[in-house]
Amino acid sequence: MIIGVAGPYSAPTAEQRQANLDAINKAAAKLLEMGHIPLVGMNAALPVLAHASISDVYEATMDISLAVIDSCEALLLLAESPGANRERDLVLAKGLPVYYKLADVPPAG
């Protein structure tokens, strides 16, 4: 199953943002080990934004992240945040499952 991974990213310091991204990527790695295909919207957005001159970085981040999550069959929501909740709401609106713990994700079949 293609599973998006969402959680808080924004934080006051670069170290906290990196710790948040690391938590998301560690959960994605666990999904991969379970046989799923994990996708992380922030991993698609951050490299592009590092080279873009745009006025609304948050909305550009969300546009890219939501486009990534829109291609998923489910979502693993690690914790709520404004952006992660938008990703969750997109998945729920499509009638797809949202998992709140890694242990709730069914094994790949």
PDB file of N, CA and C in Angstrom:
ATOM      1  N   MET A   1       0.844  -1.162   0.000  1.00  0.00           N
ATOM      2  CA  MET A   1       0.000   0.000   0.000  1.00  0.00           C
ATOM      3  C   MET A   1       0.897   1.236   0.000  1.00  0.00           C
ATOM      4  N   ILE A   2       0.478   2.259  -0.712  1.00  0.00           N
ATOM      5  CA  ILE A   2       1.190   3.538  -0.704  1.00  0.00           C
ATOM      6  C   ILE A   2       0.630   4.351   0.453  1.00  0.00           C
ATOM      7  N   ILE A   3       1.482   4.645   1.423  1.00  0.00           N
ATOM      8  CA  ILE A   3       1.043   5.317   2.645  1.00  0.00           C
ATOM      9  C   ILE A   3       1.826   6.605   2.838  1.00  0.00           C
ATOM     10  N   GLY A   4       1.101   7.714   2.913  1.00  0.00           N
ATOM     11  CA  GLY A   4       1.723   8.984   3.247  1.00  0.00           C
ATOM     12  C   GLY A   4       2.008   9.037   4.732  1.00  0.00           C
ATOM     13  N   VAL A   5       3.040   9.771   5.089  1.00  0.00           N
ATOM     14  CA  VAL A   5       3.383   9.953   6.496  1.00  0.00           C
ATOM     15  C   VAL A   5       3.346  11.446   6.779  1.00  0.00           C
ATOM     16  N   ALA A   6       2.566  11.826   7.782  1.00  0.00           N
ATOM     17  CA  ALA A   6       2.407  13.233   8.125  1.00  0.00           C
ATOM     18  C   ALA A   6       2.606  13.431   9.619  1.00  0.00           C
ATOM     19  N   GLY A   7       3.074  14.601   9.943  1.00  0.00           N
ATOM     20  CA  GLY A   7       3.265  14.985  11.334  1.00  0.00           C
ATOM     21  C   GLY A   7       3.757  16.407  11.360  1.00  0.00           C
ATOM     22  N   PRO A   8       3.919  16.957  12.530  1.00  0.00           N
ATOM     23  CA  PRO A   8       4.406  18.329  12.627  1.00  0.00           C
ATOM     24  C   PRO A   8       5.800  18.475  12.022  1.00  0.00           C
ATOM     25  N   TYR A   9       6.004  19.571  11.315  1.00  0.00           N
ATOM     26  CA  TYR A   9       7.340  19.916  10.820  1.00  0.00           C
ATOM     27  C   TYR A   9       7.761  21.262  11.390  1.00  0.00           C
ATOM     28  N   SER A  10       6.918  22.264  11.256  1.00  0.00           N
ATOM     29  CA  SER A  10       7.259  23.621  11.688  1.00  0.00           C
ATOM     30  C   SER A  10       7.628  23.655  13.164  1.00  0.00           C
ATOM     31  N   ALA A  11       8.649  24.442  13.458  1.00  0.00           N
ATOM     32  CA  ALA A  11       9.129  24.606  14.831  1.00  0.00           C
ATOM     33  C   ALA A  11       9.987  25.864  14.877  1.00  0.00           C
ATOM     34  N   PRO A  12      10.217  26.386  16.070  1.00  0.00           N
ATOM     35  CA  PRO A  12      10.968  27.640  16.185  1.00  0.00           C
ATOM     36  C   PRO A  12      12.440  27.553  15.765  1.00  0.00           C
ATOM     37  N   THR A  13      13.047  26.369  15.868  1.00  0.00           N
ATOM     38  CA  THR A  13      14.471  26.275  15.544  1.00  0.00           C
ATOM     39  C   THR A  13      14.713  25.252  14.436  1.00  0.00           C
ATOM     40  N   ALA A  14      15.828  25.404  13.769  1.00  0.00           N
ATOM     41  CA  ALA A  14      16.211  24.451  12.722  1.00  0.00           C
ATOM     42  C   ALA A  14      16.410  23.058  13.307  1.00  0.00           C
ATOM     43  N   GLU A  15      16.933  22.986  14.517  1.00  0.00           N
ATOM     44  CA  GLU A  15      17.153  21.694  15.161  1.00  0.00           C
ATOM     45  C   GLU A  15      15.828  20.985  15.422  1.00  0.00           C
ATOM     46  N   GLN A  16      14.823  21.725  15.858  1.00  0.00           N
ATOM     47  CA  GLN A  16      13.511  21.133  16.119  1.00  0.00           C
ATOM     48  C   GLN A  16      12.837  20.705  14.815  1.00  0.00           C
ATOM     49  N   ARG A  17      12.986  21.520  13.770  1.00  0.00           N
ATOM     50  CA  ARG A  17      12.417  21.136  12.470  1.00  0.00           C
ATOM     51  C   ARG A  17      13.073  19.862  11.968  1.00  0.00           C
ATOM     52  N   GLN A  18      14.387  19.748  12.130  1.00  0.00           N
ATOM     53  CA  GLN A  18      15.094  18.542  11.701  1.00  0.00           C
ATOM     54  C   GLN A  18      14.650  17.337  12.515  1.00  0.00           C
ATOM     55  N   ALA A  19      14.464  17.517  13.813  1.00  0.00           N
ATOM     56  CA  ALA A  19      13.998  16.412  14.660  1.00  0.00           C
ATOM     57  C   ALA A  19      12.601  15.962  14.227  1.00  0.00           C
ATOM     58  N   ASN A  20      11.748  16.907  13.880  1.00  0.00           N
ATOM     59  CA  ASN A  20      10.409  16.556  13.397  1.00  0.00           C
ATOM     60  C   ASN A  20      10.483  15.787  12.087  1.00  0.00           C
ATOM     61  N   LEU A  21      11.316  16.259  11.168  1.00  0.00           N
ATOM     62  CA  LEU A  21      11.469  15.573   9.882  1.00  0.00           C
ATOM     63  C   LEU A  21      12.079  14.188  10.077  1.00  0.00           C
ATOM     64  N   ASP A  22      13.023  14.078  10.989  1.00  0.00           N
ATOM     65  CA  ASP A  22      13.621  12.770  11.276  1.00  0.00           C
ATOM     66  C   ASP A  22      12.569  11.789  11.793  1.00  0.00           C
ATOM     67  N   ALA A  23      11.660  12.249  12.655  1.00  0.00           N
ATOM     68  CA  ALA A  23      10.609  11.376  13.183  1.00  0.00           C
ATOM     69  C   ALA A  23       9.703  10.893  12.055  1.00  0.00           C
ATOM     70  N   ILE A  24       9.376  11.780  11.138  1.00  0.00           N
ATOM     71  CA  ILE A  24       8.541  11.405   9.994  1.00  0.00           C
ATOM     72  C   ILE A  24       9.262  10.371   9.133  1.00  0.00           C
ATOM     73  N   ASN A  25      10.526  10.618   8.844  1.00  0.00           N
ATOM     74  CA  ASN A  25      11.281   9.700   7.997  1.00  0.00           C
ATOM     75  C   ASN A  25      11.555   8.354   8.674  1.00  0.00           C
ATOM     76  N   LYS A  26      11.712   8.353   9.985  1.00  0.00           N
ATOM     77  CA  LYS A  26      11.886   7.078  10.694  1.00  0.00           C
ATOM     78  C   LYS A  26      10.614   6.242  10.617  1.00  0.00           C
ATOM     79  N   ALA A  27       9.459   6.892  10.743  1.00  0.00           N
ATOM     80  CA  ALA A  27       8.195   6.167  10.596  1.00  0.00           C
ATOM     81  C   ALA A  27       8.047   5.656   9.164  1.00  0.00           C
ATOM     82  N   ALA A  28       8.457   6.470   8.189  1.00  0.00           N
ATOM     83  CA  ALA A  28       8.402   6.036   6.785  1.00  0.00           C
ATOM     84  C   ALA A  28       9.306   4.827   6.565  1.00  0.00           C
ATOM     85  N   ALA A  29      10.464   4.821   7.189  1.00  0.00           N
ATOM     86  CA  ALA A  29      11.382   3.680   7.062  1.00  0.00           C
ATOM     87  C   ALA A  29      10.750   2.415   7.636  1.00  0.00           C
ATOM     88  N   LYS A  30      10.045   2.550   8.744  1.00  0.00           N
ATOM     89  CA  LYS A  30       9.362   1.383   9.337  1.00  0.00           C
ATOM     90  C   LYS A  30       8.288   0.859   8.386  1.00  0.00           C
ATOM     91  N   LEU A  31       7.539   1.772   7.748  1.00  0.00           N
ATOM     92  CA  LEU A  31       6.532   1.348   6.771  1.00  0.00           C
ATOM     93  C   LEU A  31       7.178   0.588   5.619  1.00  0.00           C
ATOM     94  N   LEU A  32       8.316   1.072   5.161  1.00  0.00           N
ATOM     95  CA  LEU A  32       9.047   0.400   4.086  1.00  0.00           C
ATOM     96  C   LEU A  32       9.454  -1.005   4.524  1.00  0.00           C
ATOM     97  N   GLU A  33       9.945  -1.115   5.752  1.00  0.00           N
ATOM     98  CA  GLU A  33      10.337  -2.421   6.282  1.00  0.00           C
ATOM     99  C   GLU A  33       9.140  -3.369   6.383  1.00  0.00           C
ATOM    100  N   MET A  34       7.944  -2.803   6.536  1.00  0.00           N
ATOM    101  CA  MET A  34       6.713  -3.602   6.611  1.00  0.00           C
ATOM    102  C   MET A  34       6.207  -3.995   5.220  1.00  0.00           C
ATOM    103  N   GLY A  35       6.872  -3.509   4.182  1.00  0.00           N
ATOM    104  CA  GLY A  35       6.478  -3.850   2.827  1.00  0.00           C
ATOM    105  C   GLY A  35       5.617  -2.817   2.127  1.00  0.00           C
ATOM    106  N   HIS A  36       5.400  -1.669   2.754  1.00  0.00           N
ATOM    107  CA  HIS A  36       4.609  -0.598   2.160  1.00  0.00           C
ATOM    108  C   HIS A  36       5.521   0.379   1.411  1.00  0.00           C
ATOM    109  N   ILE A  37       4.907   1.240   0.625  1.00  0.00           N
ATOM    110  CA  ILE A  37       5.631   2.312  -0.054  1.00  0.00           C
ATOM    111  C   ILE A  37       5.283   3.609   0.665  1.00  0.00           C
ATOM    112  N   PRO A  38       6.223   4.183   1.417  1.00  0.00           N
ATOM    113  CA  PRO A  38       5.933   5.422   2.146  1.00  0.00           C
ATOM    114  C   PRO A  38       6.244   6.650   1.284  1.00  0.00           C
ATOM    115  N   LEU A  39       5.411   7.660   1.426  1.00  0.00           N
ATOM    116  CA  LEU A  39       5.645   8.950   0.783  1.00  0.00           C
ATOM    117  C   LEU A  39       5.555  10.047   1.836  1.00  0.00           C
ATOM    118  N   VAL A  40       6.475  11.005   1.757  1.00  0.00           N
ATOM    119  CA  VAL A  40       6.521  12.119   2.699  1.00  0.00           C
ATOM    120  C   VAL A  40       6.481  13.412   1.898  1.00  0.00           C
ATOM    121  N   GLY A  41       5.413  14.161   2.076  1.00  0.00           N
ATOM    122  CA  GLY A  41       5.256  15.409   1.333  1.00  0.00           C
ATOM    123  C   GLY A  41       6.373  16.401   1.579  1.00  0.00           C
ATOM    124  N   MET A  42       6.840  16.501   2.816  1.00  0.00           N
ATOM    125  CA  MET A  42       7.917  17.455   3.122  1.00  0.00           C
ATOM    126  C   MET A  42       9.197  17.102   2.378  1.00  0.00           C
ATOM    127  N   ASN A  43       9.443  15.821   2.157  1.00  0.00           N
ATOM    128  CA  ASN A  43      10.653  15.426   1.428  1.00  0.00           C
ATOM    129  C   ASN A  43      10.594  15.869  -0.024  1.00  0.00           C
ATOM    130  N   ALA A  44       9.396  15.996  -0.569  1.00  0.00           N
ATOM    131  CA  ALA A  44       9.245  16.512  -1.934  1.00  0.00           C
ATOM    132  C   ALA A  44       9.325  18.028  -1.937  1.00  0.00           C
ATOM    133  N   ALA A  45       8.780  18.675  -0.920  1.00  0.00           N
ATOM    134  CA  ALA A  45       8.687  20.133  -0.905  1.00  0.00           C
ATOM    135  C   ALA A  45      10.003  20.825  -0.551  1.00  0.00           C
ATOM    136  N   LEU A  46      10.693  20.356   0.462  1.00  0.00           N
ATOM    137  CA  LEU A  46      11.850  21.087   0.978  1.00  0.00           C
ATOM    138  C   LEU A  46      12.960  21.338  -0.041  1.00  0.00           C
ATOM    139  N   PRO A  47      13.369  20.351  -0.843  1.00  0.00           N
ATOM    140  CA  PRO A  47      14.441  20.627  -1.807  1.00  0.00           C
ATOM    141  C   PRO A  47      14.035  21.659  -2.869  1.00  0.00           C
ATOM    142  N   VAL A  48      12.781  21.650  -3.252  1.00  0.00           N
ATOM    143  CA  VAL A  48      12.300  22.621  -4.240  1.00  0.00           C
ATOM    144  C   VAL A  48      12.268  24.019  -3.633  1.00  0.00           C
ATOM    145  N   LEU A  49      11.737  24.118  -2.435  1.00  0.00           N
ATOM    146  CA  LEU A  49      11.623  25.418  -1.780  1.00  0.00           C
ATOM    147  C   LEU A  49      12.978  26.039  -1.474  1.00  0.00           C
ATOM    148  N   ALA A  50      13.978  25.218  -1.282  1.00  0.00           N
ATOM    149  CA  ALA A  50      15.320  25.742  -1.021  1.00  0.00           C
ATOM    150  C   ALA A  50      15.853  26.547  -2.200  1.00  0.00           C
ATOM    151  N   HIS A  51      15.288  26.339  -3.387  1.00  0.00           N
ATOM    152  CA  HIS A  51      15.763  27.025  -4.592  1.00  0.00           C
ATOM    153  C   HIS A  51      14.739  27.992  -5.168  1.00  0.00           C
ATOM    154  N   ALA A  52      13.593  28.133  -4.523  1.00  0.00           N
ATOM    155  CA  ALA A  52      12.515  28.958  -5.069  1.00  0.00           C
ATOM    156  C   ALA A  52      12.458  30.311  -4.367  1.00  0.00           C
ATOM    157  N   SER A  53      12.164  31.330  -5.148  1.00  0.00           N
ATOM    158  CA  SER A  53      11.931  32.670  -4.606  1.00  0.00           C
ATOM    159  C   SER A  53      10.439  32.945  -4.701  1.00  0.00           C
ATOM    160  N   ILE A  54       9.733  32.656  -3.610  1.00  0.00           N
ATOM    161  CA  ILE A  54       8.288  32.835  -3.585  1.00  0.00           C
ATOM    162  C   ILE A  54       7.899  33.538  -2.296  1.00  0.00           C
ATOM    163  N   SER A  55       6.733  34.158  -2.309  1.00  0.00           N
ATOM    164  CA  SER A  55       6.331  34.942  -1.137  1.00  0.00           C
ATOM    165  C   SER A  55       5.680  34.096  -0.054  1.00  0.00           C
ATOM    166  N   ASP A  56       4.902  33.091  -0.416  1.00  0.00           N
ATOM    167  CA  ASP A  56       4.183  32.300   0.585  1.00  0.00           C
ATOM    168  C   ASP A  56       4.755  30.883   0.626  1.00  0.00           C
ATOM    169  N   VAL A  57       5.804  30.726   1.396  1.00  0.00           N
ATOM    170  CA  VAL A  57       6.497  29.444   1.488  1.00  0.00           C
ATOM    171  C   VAL A  57       5.595  28.375   2.097  1.00  0.00           C
ATOM    172  N   TYR A  58       4.793  28.750   3.095  1.00  0.00           N
ATOM    173  CA  TYR A  58       3.926  27.767   3.731  1.00  0.00           C
ATOM    174  C   TYR A  58       2.930  27.187   2.738  1.00  0.00           C
ATOM    175  N   GLU A  59       2.250  28.032   1.986  1.00  0.00           N
ATOM    176  CA  GLU A  59       1.257  27.519   1.039  1.00  0.00           C
ATOM    177  C   GLU A  59       1.914  26.709  -0.077  1.00  0.00           C
ATOM    178  N   ALA A  60       3.098  27.107  -0.517  1.00  0.00           N
ATOM    179  CA  ALA A  60       3.807  26.320  -1.529  1.00  0.00           C
ATOM    180  C   ALA A  60       4.176  24.952  -0.964  1.00  0.00           C
ATOM    181  N   THR A  61       4.609  24.929   0.286  1.00  0.00           N
ATOM    182  CA  THR A  61       4.918  23.663   0.953  1.00  0.00           C
ATOM    183  C   THR A  61       3.684  22.775   0.990  1.00  0.00           C
ATOM    184  N   MET A  62       2.569  23.362   1.380  1.00  0.00           N
ATOM    185  CA  MET A  62       1.331  22.589   1.472  1.00  0.00           C
ATOM    186  C   MET A  62       0.858  22.130   0.097  1.00  0.00           C
ATOM    187  N   ASP A  63       0.989  22.963  -0.925  1.00  0.00           N
ATOM    188  CA  ASP A  63       0.580  22.556  -2.270  1.00  0.00           C
ATOM    189  C   ASP A  63       1.333  21.305  -2.709  1.00  0.00           C
ATOM    190  N   ILE A  64       2.644  21.300  -2.492  1.00  0.00           N
ATOM    191  CA  ILE A  64       3.460  20.149  -2.885  1.00  0.00           C
ATOM    192  C   ILE A  64       3.124  18.939  -2.002  1.00  0.00           C
ATOM    193  N   SER A  65       3.057  19.165  -0.703  1.00  0.00           N
ATOM    194  CA  SER A  65       2.766  18.060   0.221  1.00  0.00           C
ATOM    195  C   SER A  65       1.406  17.437  -0.062  1.00  0.00           C
ATOM    196  N   LEU A  66       0.406  18.264  -0.293  1.00  0.00           N
ATOM    197  CA  LEU A  66      -0.927  17.734  -0.574  1.00  0.00           C
ATOM    198  C   LEU A  66      -0.966  16.978  -1.894  1.00  0.00           C
ATOM    199  N   ALA A  67      -0.203  17.436  -2.875  1.00  0.00           N
ATOM    200  CA  ALA A  67      -0.149  16.708  -4.150  1.00  0.00           C
ATOM    201  C   ALA A  67       0.457  15.319  -3.953  1.00  0.00           C
ATOM    202  N   VAL A  68       1.476  15.226  -3.121  1.00  0.00           N
ATOM    203  CA  VAL A  68       2.085  13.926  -2.817  1.00  0.00           C
ATOM    204  C   VAL A  68       1.087  13.034  -2.083  1.00  0.00           C
ATOM    205  N   ILE A  69       0.473  13.574  -1.057  1.00  0.00           N
ATOM    206  CA  ILE A  69      -0.457  12.791  -0.235  1.00  0.00           C
ATOM    207  C   ILE A  69      -1.685  12.378  -1.049  1.00  0.00           C
ATOM    208  N   ASP A  70      -2.065  13.178  -2.016  1.00  0.00           N
ATOM    209  CA  ASP A  70      -3.228  12.859  -2.852  1.00  0.00           C
ATOM    210  C   ASP A  70      -3.027  11.561  -3.633  1.00  0.00           C
ATOM    211  N   SER A  71      -1.782  11.160  -3.833  1.00  0.00           N
ATOM    212  CA  SER A  71      -1.507   9.926  -4.578  1.00  0.00           C
ATOM    213  C   SER A  71      -1.447   8.694  -3.674  1.00  0.00           C
ATOM    214  N   CYS A  72      -1.671   8.884  -2.382  1.00  0.00           N
ATOM    215  CA  CYS A  72      -1.553   7.781  -1.420  1.00  0.00           C
ATOM    216  C   CYS A  72      -2.872   7.044  -1.241  1.00  0.00           C
ATOM    217  N   GLU A  73      -2.736   5.821  -0.741  1.00  0.00           N
ATOM    218  CA  GLU A  73      -3.899   4.973  -0.450  1.00  0.00           C
ATOM    219  C   GLU A  73      -4.291   5.008   1.026  1.00  0.00           C
ATOM    220  N   ALA A  74      -3.459   5.639   1.839  1.00  0.00           N
ATOM    221  CA  ALA A  74      -3.705   5.760   3.275  1.00  0.00           C
ATOM    222  C   ALA A  74      -2.724   6.789   3.819  1.00  0.00           C
ATOM    223  N   LEU A  75      -2.907   7.134   5.089  1.00  0.00           N
ATOM    224  CA  LEU A  75      -2.027   8.095   5.740  1.00  0.00           C
ATOM    225  C   LEU A  75      -1.704   7.594   7.137  1.00  0.00           C
ATOM    226  N   LEU A  76      -0.457   7.754   7.527  1.00  0.00           N
ATOM    227  CA  LEU A  76      -0.041   7.556   8.911  1.00  0.00           C
ATOM    228  C   LEU A  76       0.177   8.948   9.493  1.00  0.00           C
ATOM    229  N   LEU A  77      -0.665   9.335  10.439  1.00  0.00           N
ATOM    230  CA  LEU A  77      -0.576  10.655  11.071  1.00  0.00           C
ATOM    231  C   LEU A  77       0.103  10.486  12.423  1.00  0.00           C
ATOM    232  N   LEU A  78       1.328  10.971  12.525  1.00  0.00           N
ATOM    233  CA  LEU A  78       2.101  10.796  13.756  1.00  0.00           C
ATOM    234  C   LEU A  78       1.623  11.701  14.868  1.00  0.00           C
ATOM    235  N   ALA A  79       1.244  12.912  14.538  1.00  0.00           N
ATOM    236  CA  ALA A  79       0.731  13.889  15.501  1.00  0.00           C
ATOM    237  C   ALA A  79       0.085  15.011  14.705  1.00  0.00           C
ATOM    238  N   GLU A  80      -0.800  15.721  15.351  1.00  0.00           N
ATOM    239  CA  GLU A  80      -1.501  16.786  14.654  1.00  0.00           C
ATOM    240  C   GLU A  80      -0.673  18.050  14.566  1.00  0.00           C
ATOM    241  N   SER A  81      -0.907  18.793  13.502  1.00  0.00           N
ATOM    242  CA  SER A  81      -0.399  20.137  13.281  1.00  0.00           C
ATOM    243  C   SER A  81      -1.291  20.720  12.194  1.00  0.00           C
ATOM    244  N   PRO A  82      -1.267  22.014  11.978  1.00  0.00           N
ATOM    245  CA  PRO A  82      -2.126  22.560  10.921  1.00  0.00           C
ATOM    246  C   PRO A  82      -1.899  21.897   9.560  1.00  0.00           C
ATOM    247  N   GLY A  83      -0.654  21.712   9.169  1.00  0.00           N
ATOM    248  CA  GLY A  83      -0.362  21.092   7.875  1.00  0.00           C
ATOM    249  C   GLY A  83      -0.698  19.616   7.841  1.00  0.00           C
ATOM    250  N   ALA A  84      -0.322  18.897   8.882  1.00  0.00           N
ATOM    251  CA  ALA A  84      -0.617  17.464   8.945  1.00  0.00           C
ATOM    252  C   ALA A  84      -2.125  17.227   8.963  1.00  0.00           C
ATOM    253  N   ASN A  85      -2.858  18.105   9.623  1.00  0.00           N
ATOM    254  CA  ASN A  85      -4.311  17.971   9.645  1.00  0.00           C
ATOM    255  C   ASN A  85      -4.909  18.199   8.257  1.00  0.00           C
ATOM    256  N   ARG A  86      -4.331  19.085   7.467  1.00  0.00           N
ATOM    257  CA  ARG A  86      -4.810  19.271   6.093  1.00  0.00           C
ATOM    258  C   ARG A  86      -4.566  18.005   5.273  1.00  0.00           C
ATOM    259  N   GLU A  87      -3.429  17.357   5.483  1.00  0.00           N
ATOM    260  CA  GLU A  87      -3.146  16.098   4.793  1.00  0.00           C
ATOM    261  C   GLU A  87      -4.140  15.021   5.238  1.00  0.00           C
ATOM    262  N   ARG A  88      -4.382  14.941   6.536  1.00  0.00           N
ATOM    263  CA  ARG A  88      -5.356  13.982   7.075  1.00  0.00           C
ATOM    264  C   ARG A  88      -6.740  14.217   6.473  1.00  0.00           C
ATOM    265  N   ASP A  89      -7.159  15.467   6.446  1.00  0.00           N
ATOM    266  CA  ASP A  89      -8.492  15.793   5.941  1.00  0.00           C
ATOM    267  C   ASP A  89      -8.635  15.421   4.475  1.00  0.00           C
ATOM    268  N   LEU A  90      -7.583  15.590   3.693  1.00  0.00           N
ATOM    269  CA  LEU A  90      -7.608  15.206   2.281  1.00  0.00           C
ATOM    270  C   LEU A  90      -7.838  13.700   2.146  1.00  0.00           C
ATOM    271  N   VAL A  91      -7.108  12.927   2.914  1.00  0.00           N
ATOM    272  CA  VAL A  91      -7.224  11.462   2.849  1.00  0.00           C
ATOM    273  C   VAL A  91      -8.608  11.014   3.326  1.00  0.00           C
ATOM    274  N   LEU A  92      -9.078  11.589   4.419  1.00  0.00           N
ATOM    275  CA  LEU A  92     -10.402  11.229   4.926  1.00  0.00           C
ATOM    276  C   LEU A  92     -11.502  11.592   3.930  1.00  0.00           C
ATOM    277  N   ALA A  93     -11.370  12.740   3.256  1.00  0.00           N
ATOM    278  CA  ALA A  93     -12.374  13.167   2.285  1.00  0.00           C
ATOM    279  C   ALA A  93     -12.471  12.196   1.113  1.00  0.00           C
ATOM    280  N   LYS A  94     -11.400  11.475   0.852  1.00  0.00           N
ATOM    281  CA  LYS A  94     -11.398  10.478  -0.223  1.00  0.00           C
ATOM    282  C   LYS A  94     -11.902   9.121   0.275  1.00  0.00           C
ATOM    283  N   GLY A  95     -12.242   9.030   1.558  1.00  0.00           N
ATOM    284  CA  GLY A  95     -12.731   7.775   2.130  1.00  0.00           C
ATOM    285  C   GLY A  95     -11.639   6.759   2.378  1.00  0.00           C
ATOM    286  N   LEU A  96     -10.401   7.217   2.476  1.00  0.00           N
ATOM    287  CA  LEU A  96      -9.267   6.319   2.679  1.00  0.00           C
ATOM    288  C   LEU A  96      -8.886   6.276   4.161  1.00  0.00           C
ATOM    289  N   PRO A  97      -8.190   5.221   4.579  1.00  0.00           N
ATOM    290  CA  PRO A  97      -7.866   5.094   6.005  1.00  0.00           C
ATOM    291  C   PRO A  97      -6.757   6.037   6.462  1.00  0.00           C
ATOM    292  N   VAL A  98      -6.921   6.476   7.690  1.00  0.00           N
ATOM    293  CA  VAL A  98      -5.881   7.232   8.388  1.00  0.00           C
ATOM    294  C   VAL A  98      -5.516   6.421   9.625  1.00  0.00           C
ATOM    295  N   TYR A  99      -4.237   6.131   9.759  1.00  0.00           N
ATOM    296  CA  TYR A  99      -3.721   5.393  10.911  1.00  0.00           C
ATOM    297  C   TYR A  99      -3.027   6.385  11.835  1.00  0.00           C
ATOM    298  N   TYR A 100      -3.194   6.175  13.130  1.00  0.00           N
ATOM    299  CA  TYR A 100      -2.644   7.098  14.114  1.00  0.00           C
ATOM    300  C   TYR A 100      -1.457   6.503  14.868  1.00  0.00           C
ATOM    301  N   LYS A 101      -1.235   5.218  14.676  1.00  0.00           N
ATOM    302  CA  LYS A 101      -0.077   4.537  15.266  1.00  0.00           C
ATOM    303  C   LYS A 101       0.456   3.554  14.236  1.00  0.00           C
ATOM    304  N   LEU A 102       1.744   3.381  14.223  1.00  0.00           N
ATOM    305  CA  LEU A 102       2.367   2.433  13.311  1.00  0.00           C
ATOM    306  C   LEU A 102       1.800   1.021  13.531  1.00  0.00           C
ATOM    307  N   ALA A 103       1.504   0.699  14.766  1.00  0.00           N
ATOM    308  CA  ALA A 103       0.984  -0.638  15.082  1.00  0.00           C
ATOM    309  C   ALA A 103      -0.397  -0.883  14.466  1.00  0.00           C
ATOM    310  N   ASP A 104      -1.103   0.176  14.101  1.00  0.00           N
ATOM    311  CA  ASP A 104      -2.433   0.036  13.488  1.00  0.00           C
ATOM    312  C   ASP A 104      -2.372  -0.233  11.990  1.00  0.00           C
ATOM    313  N   VAL A 105      -1.222  -0.016  11.383  1.00  0.00           N
ATOM    314  CA  VAL A 105      -1.088  -0.221   9.936  1.00  0.00           C
ATOM    315  C   VAL A 105      -1.053  -1.715   9.659  1.00  0.00           C
ATOM    316  N   PRO A 106      -1.940  -2.187   8.773  1.00  0.00           N
ATOM    317  CA  PRO A 106      -1.935  -3.623   8.483  1.00  0.00           C
ATOM    318  C   PRO A 106      -0.672  -4.028   7.733  1.00  0.00           C
ATOM    319  N   PRO A 107      -0.263  -5.279   7.873  1.00  0.00           N
ATOM    320  CA  PRO A 107       0.912  -5.729   7.135  1.00  0.00           C
ATOM    321  C   PRO A 107       0.641  -5.665   5.626  1.00  0.00           C
ATOM    322  N   ALA A 108       1.678  -5.458   4.873  1.00  0.00           N
ATOM    323  CA  ALA A 108       1.548  -5.441   3.413  1.00  0.00           C
ATOM    324  C   ALA A 108       1.156  -6.839   2.950  1.00  0.00           C
ATOM    325  N   GLY A 109       0.300  -6.869   1.962  1.00  0.00           N
ATOM    326  CA  GLY A 109      -0.142  -8.178   1.520  1.00  0.00           C
ATOM    327  C   GLY A 109      -0.018  -8.273   0.085  1.00  0.00           C
TER     328      GLY A 109
END
